[in-house]
């Protein structure tokens, strides 16, 4: 993570507020998504946990 962030962001720039890492073990695929601003993105709460579970489920094409 340090190597990736160090290569993507310049010294003094803010790092992402969240990182979503999704794996598909059976297909051997992965995806990494960075959120730079919205701290509430992917926020799982009692009211939305079912919707978030589906939203965050990996869908690799």
N, C-alpha and C. Protein backbone atom coordinates (compact mmCIF):
# COMPACT_ATOMS: atom_id res chain seq x y z
N UNK A 1 0.82 -1.16 0.00
CA UNK A 1 0.00 0.00 0.00
C UNK A 1 0.88 1.24 0.00
N UNK A 2 1.92 1.24 0.83
CA UNK A 2 2.80 2.40 0.86
C UNK A 2 3.44 2.67 -0.51
N UNK A 3 3.88 1.60 -1.17
CA UNK A 3 4.52 1.77 -2.48
C UNK A 3 3.52 2.33 -3.49
N UNK A 4 2.30 1.82 -3.49
CA UNK A 4 1.29 2.29 -4.43
C UNK A 4 0.94 3.74 -4.17
N UNK A 5 0.64 4.05 -2.92
CA UNK A 5 0.27 5.43 -2.59
C UNK A 5 1.42 6.39 -2.86
N UNK A 6 2.63 5.95 -2.57
CA UNK A 6 3.80 6.81 -2.83
C UNK A 6 3.99 7.09 -4.30
N UNK A 7 3.59 6.15 -5.17
CA UNK A 7 3.71 6.36 -6.60
C UNK A 7 2.55 7.11 -7.21
N UNK A 8 1.42 7.15 -6.51
CA UNK A 8 0.23 7.80 -7.06
C UNK A 8 0.04 9.23 -6.54
N UNK A 9 0.45 9.46 -5.30
CA UNK A 9 0.25 10.76 -4.67
C UNK A 9 1.60 11.42 -4.41
N UNK A 10 1.65 12.71 -4.64
CA UNK A 10 2.87 13.47 -4.38
C UNK A 10 2.99 13.79 -2.89
N UNK A 11 4.21 14.02 -2.41
CA UNK A 11 4.37 14.38 -0.99
C UNK A 11 3.51 15.60 -0.65
N UNK A 12 2.81 15.51 0.46
CA UNK A 12 1.95 16.60 0.90
C UNK A 12 0.50 16.45 0.47
N UNK A 13 0.23 15.63 -0.56
CA UNK A 13 -1.15 15.39 -0.98
C UNK A 13 -1.83 14.47 0.01
N UNK A 14 -3.13 14.66 0.16
CA UNK A 14 -3.92 13.79 1.05
C UNK A 14 -4.08 12.42 0.43
N UNK A 15 -3.95 11.41 1.27
CA UNK A 15 -4.21 10.05 0.84
C UNK A 15 -5.71 9.82 0.78
N UNK A 16 -6.15 8.76 0.15
CA UNK A 16 -7.58 8.47 0.09
C UNK A 16 -8.16 8.30 1.49
N UNK A 17 -9.44 8.60 1.63
CA UNK A 17 -10.10 8.43 2.92
C UNK A 17 -10.56 6.99 3.11
N UNK A 18 -10.75 6.25 2.00
CA UNK A 18 -11.14 4.84 2.08
C UNK A 18 -10.58 4.09 0.88
N UNK A 19 -10.37 2.80 1.09
CA UNK A 19 -9.92 1.92 0.02
C UNK A 19 -10.79 0.67 0.06
N UNK A 20 -11.37 0.31 -1.07
CA UNK A 20 -12.18 -0.90 -1.19
C UNK A 20 -11.39 -1.91 -2.00
N UNK A 21 -11.14 -3.07 -1.40
CA UNK A 21 -10.44 -4.16 -2.07
C UNK A 21 -11.41 -5.32 -2.22
N UNK A 22 -11.61 -5.76 -3.45
CA UNK A 22 -12.54 -6.85 -3.72
C UNK A 22 -11.78 -8.00 -4.39
N UNK A 23 -12.04 -9.23 -3.92
CA UNK A 23 -11.39 -10.42 -4.46
C UNK A 23 -12.44 -11.40 -4.96
N UNK A 24 -12.10 -12.09 -6.04
CA UNK A 24 -12.86 -13.24 -6.49
C UNK A 24 -11.87 -14.40 -6.50
N UNK A 25 -11.87 -15.17 -5.43
CA UNK A 25 -10.89 -16.23 -5.29
C UNK A 25 -11.02 -17.31 -6.35
N UNK A 26 -12.25 -17.62 -6.76
CA UNK A 26 -12.43 -18.69 -7.74
C UNK A 26 -11.89 -18.30 -9.11
N UNK A 27 -12.02 -17.04 -9.49
CA UNK A 27 -11.54 -16.58 -10.79
C UNK A 27 -10.13 -15.99 -10.72
N UNK A 28 -9.65 -15.76 -9.50
CA UNK A 28 -8.33 -15.17 -9.34
C UNK A 28 -8.27 -13.70 -9.74
N UNK A 29 -9.39 -13.01 -9.62
CA UNK A 29 -9.45 -11.60 -10.00
C UNK A 29 -9.55 -10.73 -8.75
N UNK A 30 -9.14 -9.47 -8.91
CA UNK A 30 -9.27 -8.51 -7.82
C UNK A 30 -9.47 -7.11 -8.39
N UNK A 31 -9.98 -6.24 -7.55
CA UNK A 31 -10.19 -4.84 -7.94
C UNK A 31 -9.96 -3.98 -6.71
N UNK A 32 -9.29 -2.86 -6.90
CA UNK A 32 -9.03 -1.92 -5.82
C UNK A 32 -9.61 -0.57 -6.24
N UNK A 33 -10.45 0.00 -5.38
CA UNK A 33 -11.09 1.28 -5.66
C UNK A 33 -10.76 2.25 -4.53
N UNK A 34 -10.31 3.44 -4.88
CA UNK A 34 -9.95 4.45 -3.89
C UNK A 34 -11.03 5.52 -3.84
N UNK A 35 -11.36 5.97 -2.66
CA UNK A 35 -12.27 7.11 -2.46
C UNK A 35 -11.45 8.23 -1.85
N UNK A 36 -11.32 9.32 -2.58
CA UNK A 36 -10.47 10.42 -2.14
C UNK A 36 -11.17 11.44 -1.25
N UNK A 37 -12.50 11.54 -1.33
CA UNK A 37 -13.19 12.63 -0.65
C UNK A 37 -14.30 12.17 0.29
N UNK A 38 -15.21 11.34 -0.18
CA UNK A 38 -16.44 11.00 0.53
C UNK A 38 -16.21 9.94 1.62
N UNK A 39 -16.11 10.38 2.86
CA UNK A 39 -15.87 9.46 3.98
C UNK A 39 -17.06 8.55 4.25
N UNK A 40 -18.23 8.90 3.77
CA UNK A 40 -19.42 8.08 4.00
C UNK A 40 -19.64 7.03 2.91
N UNK A 41 -18.84 7.07 1.86
CA UNK A 41 -18.98 6.06 0.81
C UNK A 41 -18.70 4.68 1.41
N UNK A 42 -19.51 3.73 1.07
CA UNK A 42 -19.41 2.35 1.55
C UNK A 42 -19.68 2.24 3.05
N UNK A 43 -20.34 3.21 3.65
CA UNK A 43 -20.65 3.15 5.08
C UNK A 43 -21.76 2.12 5.31
N UNK A 44 -21.44 1.09 6.05
CA UNK A 44 -22.42 0.04 6.34
C UNK A 44 -23.05 0.34 7.69
N UNK A 45 -24.37 0.45 7.67
CA UNK A 45 -25.12 0.78 8.88
C UNK A 45 -26.26 -0.22 9.03
N UNK A 46 -26.87 -0.31 10.21
CA UNK A 46 -27.97 -1.27 10.38
C UNK A 46 -29.09 -1.10 9.35
N UNK A 47 -29.38 0.12 8.95
CA UNK A 47 -30.48 0.35 8.00
C UNK A 47 -30.14 -0.06 6.57
N UNK A 48 -28.85 -0.10 6.22
CA UNK A 48 -28.50 -0.32 4.82
C UNK A 48 -27.59 -1.53 4.60
N UNK A 49 -27.40 -2.37 5.61
CA UNK A 49 -26.40 -3.42 5.45
C UNK A 49 -26.74 -4.40 4.33
N UNK A 50 -28.01 -4.68 4.10
CA UNK A 50 -28.36 -5.59 3.01
C UNK A 50 -28.06 -4.97 1.64
N UNK A 51 -28.41 -3.71 1.47
CA UNK A 51 -28.14 -3.02 0.22
C UNK A 51 -26.63 -2.88 -0.01
N UNK A 52 -25.90 -2.55 1.05
CA UNK A 52 -24.45 -2.39 0.92
C UNK A 52 -23.79 -3.73 0.61
N UNK A 53 -24.30 -4.81 1.18
CA UNK A 53 -23.73 -6.13 0.91
C UNK A 53 -23.81 -6.41 -0.59
N UNK A 54 -24.94 -6.10 -1.20
CA UNK A 54 -25.09 -6.33 -2.63
C UNK A 54 -24.26 -5.34 -3.45
N UNK A 55 -24.22 -4.10 -3.01
CA UNK A 55 -23.46 -3.09 -3.73
C UNK A 55 -21.97 -3.40 -3.72
N UNK A 56 -21.47 -3.94 -2.61
CA UNK A 56 -20.06 -4.21 -2.47
C UNK A 56 -19.65 -5.59 -2.97
N UNK A 57 -20.60 -6.42 -3.32
CA UNK A 57 -20.29 -7.75 -3.84
C UNK A 57 -19.54 -7.59 -5.15
N UNK A 58 -18.38 -8.24 -5.29
CA UNK A 58 -17.60 -8.10 -6.52
C UNK A 58 -18.40 -8.57 -7.74
N UNK A 59 -18.30 -7.78 -8.81
CA UNK A 59 -18.93 -8.10 -10.09
C UNK A 59 -17.88 -7.88 -11.16
N UNK A 60 -17.07 -8.90 -11.38
CA UNK A 60 -15.99 -8.79 -12.36
C UNK A 60 -16.50 -9.24 -13.72
N UNK A 61 -16.22 -8.45 -14.74
CA UNK A 61 -16.63 -8.78 -16.11
C UNK A 61 -15.50 -9.40 -16.88
